[in-house]
C-alpha atoms as a PDB file:
ATOM      1  CA  MET A   1      60.560   2.030 212.305  1.00  0.00           C
ATOM      2  CA  LEU A   2      60.912   1.756 208.512  1.00  0.00           C
ATOM      3  CA  ASN A   3      62.026   4.889 206.741  1.00  0.00           C
ATOM      4  CA  VAL A   4      60.128   6.333 203.798  1.00  0.00           C
ATOM      5  CA  ARG A   5      62.829   5.434 201.268  1.00  0.00           C
ATOM      6  CA  SER A   6      62.687   1.741 202.208  1.00  0.00           C
ATOM      7  CA  LEU A   7      58.908   1.757 201.890  1.00  0.00           C
ATOM      8  CA  LEU A   8      59.132   3.368 198.451  1.00  0.00           C
ATOM      9  CA  ARG A   9      61.692   0.790 197.308  1.00  0.00           C
ATOM     10  CA  GLY A  10      59.421  -2.000 198.528  1.00  0.00           C
ATOM     11  CA  ALA A  11      56.431  -0.545 196.748  1.00  0.00           C
ATOM     12  CA  GLY A  12      58.492  -0.198 193.567  1.00  0.00           C
ATOM     13  CA  ALA A  13      59.536  -3.853 193.714  1.00  0.00           C
ATOM     14  CA  VAL A  14      55.906  -4.922 194.105  1.00  0.00           C
ATOM     15  CA  ARG A  15      54.868  -2.821 191.113  1.00  0.00           C
ATOM     16  CA  ALA A  16      57.733  -4.272 189.004  1.00  0.00           C
ATOM     17  CA  ALA A  17      56.750  -7.838 189.928  1.00  0.00           C
ATOM     18  CA  ALA A  18      53.134  -7.093 189.035  1.00  0.00           C
ATOM     19  CA  ALA A  19      54.233  -5.658 185.707  1.00  0.00           C
ATOM     20  CA  ARG A  20      56.257  -8.801 184.926  1.00  0.00           C
ATOM     21  CA  ALA A  21      53.267 -10.954 185.821  1.00  0.00           C
ATOM     22  CA  GLN A  22      51.077  -8.840 183.530  1.00  0.00           C
ATOM     23  CA  VAL A  23      53.514  -9.365 180.664  1.00  0.00           C
ATOM     24  CA  CYS A  24      53.516 -13.140 181.269  1.00  0.00           C
ATOM     25  CA  LEU A  25      49.746 -13.185 180.859  1.00  0.00           C
ATOM     26  CA  PHE A  26      50.127 -11.862 177.325  1.00  0.00           C
ATOM     27  CA  ALA A  27      53.250 -13.861 176.324  1.00  0.00           C
ATOM     28  CA  THR A  28      52.879 -16.123 173.300  1.00  0.00           C
ATOM     29  CA  GLY A  29      55.293 -18.725 174.597  1.00  0.00           C
ATOM     30  CA  PRO A  30      58.586 -19.365 176.367  1.00  0.00           C
ATOM     31  CA  ARG A  31      61.339 -16.879 175.660  1.00  0.00           C
ATOM     32  CA  GLN A  32      63.752 -18.099 172.972  1.00  0.00           C
ATOM     33  CA  GLU A  33      66.967 -18.483 174.964  1.00  0.00           C
ATOM     34  CA  ASP A  34      68.962 -20.317 172.289  1.00  0.00           C
ATOM     35  CA  SER A  35      70.026 -18.184 169.327  1.00  0.00           C
ATOM     36  CA  LYS A  36      70.332 -21.223 167.033  1.00  0.00           C
ATOM     37  CA  PHE A  37      67.705 -21.474 164.305  1.00  0.00           C
ATOM     38  CA  TYR A  38      66.869 -23.454 161.194  1.00  0.00           C
ATOM     39  CA  GLU A  39      66.397 -22.087 157.702  1.00  0.00           C
ATOM     40  CA  PHE A  40      63.904 -24.006 155.563  1.00  0.00           C
ATOM     41  CA  ARG A  41      64.550 -23.440 151.864  1.00  0.00           C
ATOM     42  CA  THR A  42      61.983 -24.784 149.411  1.00  0.00           C
ATOM     43  CA  TYR A  43      62.766 -24.596 145.689  1.00  0.00           C
ATOM     44  CA  ASN A  44      60.231 -25.166 142.922  1.00  0.00           C
ATOM     45  CA  ILE A  45      62.211 -26.543 139.977  1.00  0.00           C
ATOM     46  CA  LYS A  46      61.212 -26.276 136.332  1.00  0.00           C
ATOM     47  CA  PRO A  47      59.992 -29.813 135.490  1.00  0.00           C
ATOM     48  CA  SER A  48      62.361 -30.269 132.557  1.00  0.00           C
ATOM     49  CA  MET A  49      65.300 -29.201 134.739  1.00  0.00           C
ATOM     50  CA  MET A  50      64.771 -31.462 137.777  1.00  0.00           C
ATOM     51  CA  LYS A  51      67.328 -34.126 136.875  1.00  0.00           C
ATOM     52  CA  GLU A  52      69.946 -31.549 135.928  1.00  0.00           C
ATOM     53  CA  PHE A  53      69.290 -29.516 139.094  1.00  0.00           C
ATOM     54  CA  MET A  54      69.799 -32.538 141.358  1.00  0.00           C
ATOM     55  CA  LYS A  55      73.029 -33.450 139.572  1.00  0.00           C
ATOM     56  CA  LEU A  56      74.262 -29.898 140.084  1.00  0.00           C
ATOM     57  CA  SER A  57      73.210 -29.964 143.740  1.00  0.00           C
ATOM     58  CA  GLN A  58      74.971 -33.255 144.414  1.00  0.00           C
ATOM     59  CA  GLU A  59      78.185 -31.871 142.952  1.00  0.00           C
ATOM     60  CA  HIS A  60      78.184 -28.474 144.643  1.00  0.00           C
ATOM     61  CA  VAL A  61      75.777 -28.078 147.597  1.00  0.00           C
ATOM     62  CA  PRO A  62      78.184 -29.838 150.018  1.00  0.00           C
ATOM     63  CA  ARG A  63      80.578 -26.933 149.403  1.00  0.00           C
ATOM     64  CA  TYR A  64      78.236 -24.594 151.311  1.00  0.00           C
ATOM     65  CA  THR A  65      78.676 -26.709 154.447  1.00  0.00           C
ATOM     66  CA  ALA A  66      81.889 -24.743 154.982  1.00  0.00           C
ATOM     67  CA  TYR A  67      79.607 -21.837 155.955  1.00  0.00           C
ATOM     68  CA  ALA A  68      76.583 -23.483 157.620  1.00  0.00           C
ATOM     69  CA  GLU A  69      75.433 -26.911 158.807  1.00  0.00           C
ATOM     70  CA  LEU A  70      73.235 -28.822 156.377  1.00  0.00           C
ATOM     71  CA  ILE A  71      70.593 -30.779 158.294  1.00  0.00           C
ATOM     72  CA  GLY A  72      68.912 -32.459 155.349  1.00  0.00           C
ATOM     73  CA  TYR A  73      68.199 -32.207 151.625  1.00  0.00           C
ATOM     74  CA  TRP A  74      65.143 -33.927 150.133  1.00  0.00           C
ATOM     75  CA  ILE A  75      63.196 -34.360 146.899  1.00  0.00           C
ATOM     76  CA  VAL A  76      59.396 -34.205 147.235  1.00  0.00           C
ATOM     77  CA  ASP A  77      57.974 -37.594 146.213  1.00  0.00           C
ATOM     78  CA  LEU A  78      54.317 -37.068 147.191  1.00  0.00           C
ATOM     79  CA  GLY A  79      52.807 -33.591 147.416  1.00  0.00           C
ATOM     80  CA  ILE A  80      53.611 -30.740 145.044  1.00  0.00           C
ATOM     81  CA  LEU A  81      56.238 -32.271 142.768  1.00  0.00           C
ATOM     82  CA  ASN A  82      59.373 -30.861 141.144  1.00  0.00           C
ATOM     83  CA  LYS A  83      60.293 -29.416 144.491  1.00  0.00           C
ATOM     84  CA  VAL A  84      63.250 -29.790 146.848  1.00  0.00           C
ATOM     85  CA  LEU A  85      63.469 -28.953 150.538  1.00  0.00           C
ATOM     86  CA  HIS A  86      66.696 -28.313 152.402  1.00  0.00           C
ATOM     87  CA  ILE A  87      67.214 -27.277 156.020  1.00  0.00           C
ATOM     88  CA  TRP A  88      70.264 -25.373 157.280  1.00  0.00           C
ATOM     89  CA  LYS A  89      71.274 -24.641 160.860  1.00  0.00           C
ATOM     90  CA  TYR A  90      72.768 -21.311 161.963  1.00  0.00           C
ATOM     91  CA  ASP A  91      74.133 -20.327 165.368  1.00  0.00           C
ATOM     92  CA  SER A  92      72.663 -16.819 165.080  1.00  0.00           C
ATOM     93  CA  PHE A  93      71.547 -14.241 162.533  1.00  0.00           C
ATOM     94  CA  ALA A  94      75.091 -12.849 162.592  1.00  0.00           C
ATOM     95  CA  HIS A  95      76.323 -16.308 161.592  1.00  0.00           C
ATOM     96  CA  ARG A  96      73.841 -16.390 158.693  1.00  0.00           C
ATOM     97  CA  THR A  97      74.922 -12.941 157.510  1.00  0.00           C
ATOM     98  CA  GLU A  98      78.580 -13.970 157.629  1.00  0.00           C
ATOM     99  CA  ALA A  99      77.832 -17.199 155.748  1.00  0.00           C
ATOM    100  CA  GLN A 100      76.068 -15.260 153.010  1.00  0.00           C
ATOM    101  CA  ARG A 101      78.936 -12.773 152.805  1.00  0.00           C
ATOM    102  CA  LYS A 102      81.493 -15.554 152.413  1.00  0.00           C
ATOM    103  CA  SER A 103      79.396 -17.389 149.821  1.00  0.00           C
ATOM    104  CA  LEU A 104      79.090 -14.208 147.738  1.00  0.00           C
ATOM    105  CA  GLN A 105      82.885 -13.960 147.751  1.00  0.00           C
ATOM    106  CA  ASP A 106      83.268 -17.636 146.859  1.00  0.00           C
ATOM    107  CA  GLN A 107      83.821 -17.432 143.110  1.00  0.00           C
ATOM    108  CA  GLU A 108      83.603 -21.174 142.534  1.00  0.00           C
ATOM    109  CA  TRP A 109      80.282 -21.401 144.434  1.00  0.00           C
ATOM    110  CA  GLN A 110      78.827 -18.486 142.497  1.00  0.00           C
ATOM    111  CA  GLU A 111      80.001 -19.663 139.072  1.00  0.00           C
ATOM    112  CA  LYS A 112      79.481 -23.416 139.353  1.00  0.00           C
ATOM    113  CA  MET A 113      76.310 -23.486 141.471  1.00  0.00           C
ATOM    114  CA  ILE A 114      74.387 -20.232 141.787  1.00  0.00           C
ATOM    115  CA  SER A 115      74.681 -18.926 138.215  1.00  0.00           C
ATOM    116  CA  LYS A 116      73.681 -22.337 136.808  1.00  0.00           C
ATOM    117  CA  ALA A 117      70.943 -23.138 139.318  1.00  0.00           C
ATOM    118  CA  LEU A 118      68.988 -19.877 139.243  1.00  0.00           C
ATOM    119  CA  PRO A 119      67.649 -20.313 135.669  1.00  0.00           C
ATOM    120  CA  MET A 120      66.279 -23.726 136.713  1.00  0.00           C
ATOM    121  CA  LEU A 121      64.118 -22.321 139.516  1.00  0.00           C
ATOM    122  CA  ASP A 122      60.495 -21.198 139.324  1.00  0.00           C
ATOM    123  CA  LYS A 123      60.117 -20.151 142.939  1.00  0.00           C
ATOM    124  CA  ILE A 124      62.121 -19.924 146.172  1.00  0.00           C
ATOM    125  CA  CYS A 125      60.562 -19.907 149.650  1.00  0.00           C
ATOM    126  CA  VAL A 126      62.762 -19.187 152.700  1.00  0.00           C
ATOM    127  CA  GLU A 127      61.532 -19.597 156.274  1.00  0.00           C
ATOM    128  CA  VAL A 128      63.304 -19.242 159.614  1.00  0.00           C
ATOM    129  CA  ALA A 129      62.133 -21.567 162.368  1.00  0.00           C
ATOM    130  CA  TYR A 130      63.082 -22.584 165.907  1.00  0.00           C
ATOM    131  CA  LEU A 131      62.813 -25.990 167.501  1.00  0.00           C
ATOM    132  CA  VAL A 132      60.036 -25.968 170.079  1.00  0.00           C
ATOM    133  CA  PRO A 133      61.504 -25.951 173.628  1.00  0.00           C
ATOM    134  CA  TRP A 134      60.440 -29.536 174.392  1.00  0.00           C
ATOM    135  CA  CYS A 135      62.001 -31.099 171.282  1.00  0.00           C
ATOM    136  CA  GLN A 136      65.568 -32.091 170.448  1.00  0.00           C
ATOM    137  CA  LEU A 137      66.678 -32.663 166.861  1.00  0.00           C
ATOM    138  CA  GLY A 138      66.563 -36.401 166.169  1.00  0.00           C
ATOM    139  CA  LYS A 139      68.537 -38.613 163.814  1.00  0.00           C
ATOM    140  CA  PRO A 140      67.461 -42.045 162.556  1.00  0.00           C
ATOM    141  CA  GLU A 141      69.731 -45.064 162.862  1.00  0.00           C
ATOM    142  CA  LYS A 142      69.309 -46.041 159.217  1.00  0.00           C
ATOM    143  CA  ALA A 143      68.140 -44.669 155.890  1.00  0.00           C
ATOM    144  CA  GLY A 144      64.441 -44.315 155.160  1.00  0.00           C
ATOM    145  CA  MET A 145      61.792 -41.853 154.009  1.00  0.00           C
ATOM    146  CA  TYR A 146      60.627 -38.632 155.596  1.00  0.00           C
ATOM    147  CA  GLU A 147      57.328 -36.863 155.966  1.00  0.00           C
ATOM    148  CA  MET A 148      56.979 -33.177 156.700  1.00  0.00           C
ATOM    149  CA  VAL A 149      53.580 -32.235 158.074  1.00  0.00           C
ATOM    150  CA  THR A 150      52.853 -28.515 158.176  1.00  0.00           C
ATOM    151  CA  PHE A 151      50.183 -27.124 160.478  1.00  0.00           C
ATOM    152  CA  GLN A 152      48.770 -23.630 160.204  1.00  0.00           C
ATOM    153  CA  MET A 153      47.852 -22.841 163.790  1.00  0.00           C
ATOM    154  CA  LYS A 154      45.504 -20.212 165.139  1.00  0.00           C
ATOM    155  CA  GLN A 155      47.247 -17.012 166.165  1.00  0.00           C
ATOM    156  CA  GLY A 156      48.463 -16.729 169.719  1.00  0.00           C
ATOM    157  CA  GLY A 157      51.636 -18.767 169.753  1.00  0.00           C
ATOM    158  CA  PRO A 158      52.729 -21.809 171.776  1.00  0.00           C
ATOM    159  CA  ALA A 159      51.191 -20.390 174.965  1.00  0.00           C
ATOM    160  CA  ILE A 160      47.797 -20.961 173.347  1.00  0.00           C
ATOM    161  CA  TRP A 161      48.220 -24.238 171.484  1.00  0.00           C
ATOM    162  CA  GLY A 162      51.543 -25.592 172.781  1.00  0.00           C
ATOM    163  CA  GLU A 163      50.385 -28.115 175.384  1.00  0.00           C
ATOM    164  CA  ALA A 164      47.679 -29.661 173.215  1.00  0.00           C
ATOM    165  CA  PHE A 165      50.110 -29.920 170.293  1.00  0.00           C
ATOM    166  CA  LYS A 166      52.800 -31.434 172.505  1.00  0.00           C
ATOM    167  CA  THR A 167      50.309 -34.078 173.642  1.00  0.00           C
ATOM    168  CA  ILE A 168      49.440 -35.171 170.114  1.00  0.00           C
ATOM    169  CA  ILE A 169      53.113 -35.338 169.080  1.00  0.00           C
ATOM    170  CA  ASN A 170      54.059 -37.377 172.152  1.00  0.00           C
ATOM    171  CA  THR A 171      51.118 -39.700 171.509  1.00  0.00           C
ATOM    172  CA  HIS A 172      52.356 -40.245 167.948  1.00  0.00           C
ATOM    173  CA  VAL A 173      55.846 -40.994 169.264  1.00  0.00           C
ATOM    174  CA  SER A 174      54.460 -43.544 171.740  1.00  0.00           C
ATOM    175  CA  THR A 175      52.906 -45.567 168.897  1.00  0.00           C
ATOM    176  CA  ASP A 176      56.498 -46.434 167.899  1.00  0.00           C
ATOM    177  CA  TYR A 177      55.975 -46.824 164.146  1.00  0.00           C
ATOM    178  CA  ASN A 178      57.974 -43.728 163.271  1.00  0.00           C
ATOM    179  CA  LYS A 179      60.720 -41.473 164.613  1.00  0.00           C
ATOM    180  CA  LEU A 180      60.351 -37.790 165.407  1.00  0.00           C
ATOM    181  CA  ILE A 181      63.109 -35.689 163.854  1.00  0.00           C
ATOM    182  CA  GLY A 182      61.951 -32.244 164.909  1.00  0.00           C
ATOM    183  CA  VAL A 183      59.084 -29.865 165.628  1.00  0.00           C
ATOM    184  CA  PHE A 184      59.736 -26.320 164.387  1.00  0.00           C
ATOM    185  CA  HIS A 185      57.705 -23.111 164.727  1.00  0.00           C
ATOM    186  CA  THR A 186      58.215 -20.291 162.245  1.00  0.00           C
ATOM    187  CA  GLU A 187      59.792 -16.958 163.093  1.00  0.00           C
ATOM    188  CA  TYR A 188      59.970 -15.583 159.524  1.00  0.00           C
ATOM    189  CA  GLY A 189      57.684 -16.544 156.661  1.00  0.00           C
ATOM    190  CA  LEU A 190      54.039 -17.401 157.177  1.00  0.00           C
ATOM    191  CA  LEU A 191      53.674 -17.107 160.950  1.00  0.00           C
ATOM    192  CA  SER A 192      51.777 -19.371 163.365  1.00  0.00           C
ATOM    193  CA  LYS A 193      53.036 -22.299 161.299  1.00  0.00           C
ATOM    194  CA  VAL A 194      54.517 -25.516 162.692  1.00  0.00           C
ATOM    195  CA  HIS A 195      56.594 -27.991 160.689  1.00  0.00           C
ATOM    196  CA  VAL A 196      56.847 -31.548 162.043  1.00  0.00           C
ATOM    197  CA  LEU A 197      59.476 -33.776 160.433  1.00  0.00           C
ATOM    198  CA  TRP A 198      59.083 -37.559 160.783  1.00  0.00           C
ATOM    199  CA  TRP A 199      61.202 -40.513 159.652  1.00  0.00           C
ATOM    200  CA  TYR A 200      59.806 -43.861 158.449  1.00  0.00           C
ATOM    201  CA  GLU A 201      61.520 -47.032 157.361  1.00  0.00           C
ATOM    202  CA  ASN A 202      59.485 -46.902 154.160  1.00  0.00           C
ATOM    203  CA  ALA A 203      56.174 -45.623 152.796  1.00  0.00           C
ATOM    204  CA  ASP A 204      54.339 -48.872 153.597  1.00  0.00           C
ATOM    205  CA  SER A 205      55.367 -48.796 157.266  1.00  0.00           C
ATOM    206  CA  ARG A 206      54.055 -45.244 157.403  1.00  0.00           C
ATOM    207  CA  ALA A 207      50.705 -46.296 155.906  1.00  0.00           C
ATOM    208  CA  SER A 208      50.188 -49.308 158.177  1.00  0.00           C
ATOM    209  CA  GLY A 209      51.288 -47.363 161.257  1.00  0.00           C
ATOM    210  CA  ARG A 210      48.875 -44.558 160.504  1.00  0.00           C
ATOM    211  CA  HIS A 211      45.970 -47.011 160.167  1.00  0.00           C
ATOM    212  CA  LEU A 212      46.777 -48.551 163.544  1.00  0.00           C
ATOM    213  CA  SER A 213      47.237 -45.188 165.250  1.00  0.00           C
ATOM    214  CA  HIS A 214      43.804 -44.015 164.089  1.00  0.00           C
ATOM    215  CA  GLU A 215      42.307 -46.893 166.052  1.00  0.00           C
ATOM    216  CA  ASP A 216      44.257 -45.970 169.199  1.00  0.00           C
ATOM    217  CA  PRO A 217      41.977 -44.247 171.780  1.00  0.00           C
ATOM    218  CA  ARG A 218      44.909 -42.145 172.990  1.00  0.00           C
ATOM    219  CA  MET A 219      45.446 -40.783 169.490  1.00  0.00           C
ATOM    220  CA  VAL A 220      41.761 -40.104 168.940  1.00  0.00           C
ATOM    221  CA  ALA A 221      41.578 -38.155 172.226  1.00  0.00           C
ATOM    222  CA  ALA A 222      44.755 -36.163 171.459  1.00  0.00           C
ATOM    223  CA  VAL A 223      43.558 -35.242 167.968  1.00  0.00           C
ATOM    224  CA  ARG A 224      40.173 -34.165 169.282  1.00  0.00           C
ATOM    225  CA  GLU A 225      41.879 -31.941 171.874  1.00  0.00           C
ATOM    226  CA  SER A 226      44.168 -30.209 169.378  1.00  0.00           C
ATOM    227  CA  LEU A 227      41.762 -29.730 166.459  1.00  0.00           C
ATOM    228  CA  SER A 228      40.371 -26.482 167.810  1.00  0.00           C
ATOM    229  CA  PHE A 229      43.820 -24.873 167.433  1.00  0.00           C
ATOM    230  CA  VAL A 230      44.526 -26.020 163.864  1.00  0.00           C
ATOM    231  CA  GLU A 231      43.329 -24.043 160.851  1.00  0.00           C
ATOM    232  CA  SER A 232      44.815 -26.293 158.161  1.00  0.00           C
ATOM    233  CA  GLN A 233      47.483 -28.902 157.548  1.00  0.00           C
ATOM    234  CA  GLN A 234      49.319 -30.449 154.622  1.00  0.00           C
ATOM    235  CA  ASN A 235      52.079 -32.987 154.180  1.00  0.00           C
ATOM    236  CA  MET A 236      54.839 -34.063 151.827  1.00  0.00           C
ATOM    237  CA  LEU A 237      56.614 -37.397 151.499  1.00  0.00           C
ATOM    238  CA  LEU A 238      60.339 -36.774 151.053  1.00  0.00           C
ATOM    239  CA  ILE A 239      63.226 -38.791 149.612  1.00  0.00           C
ATOM    240  CA  PRO A 240      66.664 -37.812 150.942  1.00  0.00           C
ATOM    241  CA  ALA A 241      69.301 -36.826 148.394  1.00  0.00           C
ATOM    242  CA  LEU A 242      72.480 -38.904 148.277  1.00  0.00           C
ATOM    243  CA  PHE A 243      74.436 -36.131 149.994  1.00  0.00           C
ATOM    244  CA  SER A 244      71.796 -35.411 152.661  1.00  0.00           C
ATOM    245  CA  PRO A 245      73.087 -35.832 156.253  1.00  0.00           C
ATOM    246  CA  LEU A 246      69.631 -37.122 157.232  1.00  0.00           C
ATOM    247  CA  LYS A 247      69.248 -40.288 155.159  1.00  0.00           C
END
């Protein structure tokens, strides 16, 4: 015969399991197990200062790689001009804080880069983003051009739009005219935003590939499926800087 205490423990376990199931129903996506994240920094440069800013960046930005990993550094070629985008990888928020602390104490960095660069800037936008769970950061085999497509998704997180979005990305990859570098969803900044970074051999290969993909029934079906989750999208064509790890 079961004693009362055993019955109570069993009932408690059932209630706990039910509570966990209830939480899963309202989750916005898989739990972020990896503490690594990516910081997207977008700088609007004063038009008359663009050439000087890039010269300064080429000379001094690689110094900051002592504190964090630079993924890529690009100049916007098509989109809103006089803008640069750079992406940095951090192991954790503690790592980012420590990197900032060290850079503030780095007199050469502050004097030769920061103090000279700040007067050249009109606007700075900083976002923190994670790679989606089903994507690994890619790297092309040779130099080319990049496109960043930004989607403003409906609220609800990857649990709502994740599978449909994954389908359209995988369909794009299967067309084999480009290379997927990464799919990132924002954690800080404008939320419910997804950045997709693509590599192309050149702008013409991107144009011809897009025309062909729009005639692909798989692509048409995937786009139709995902449209209900997208509120807006925009893109930028990017040229990698000479010192960018992603060429």
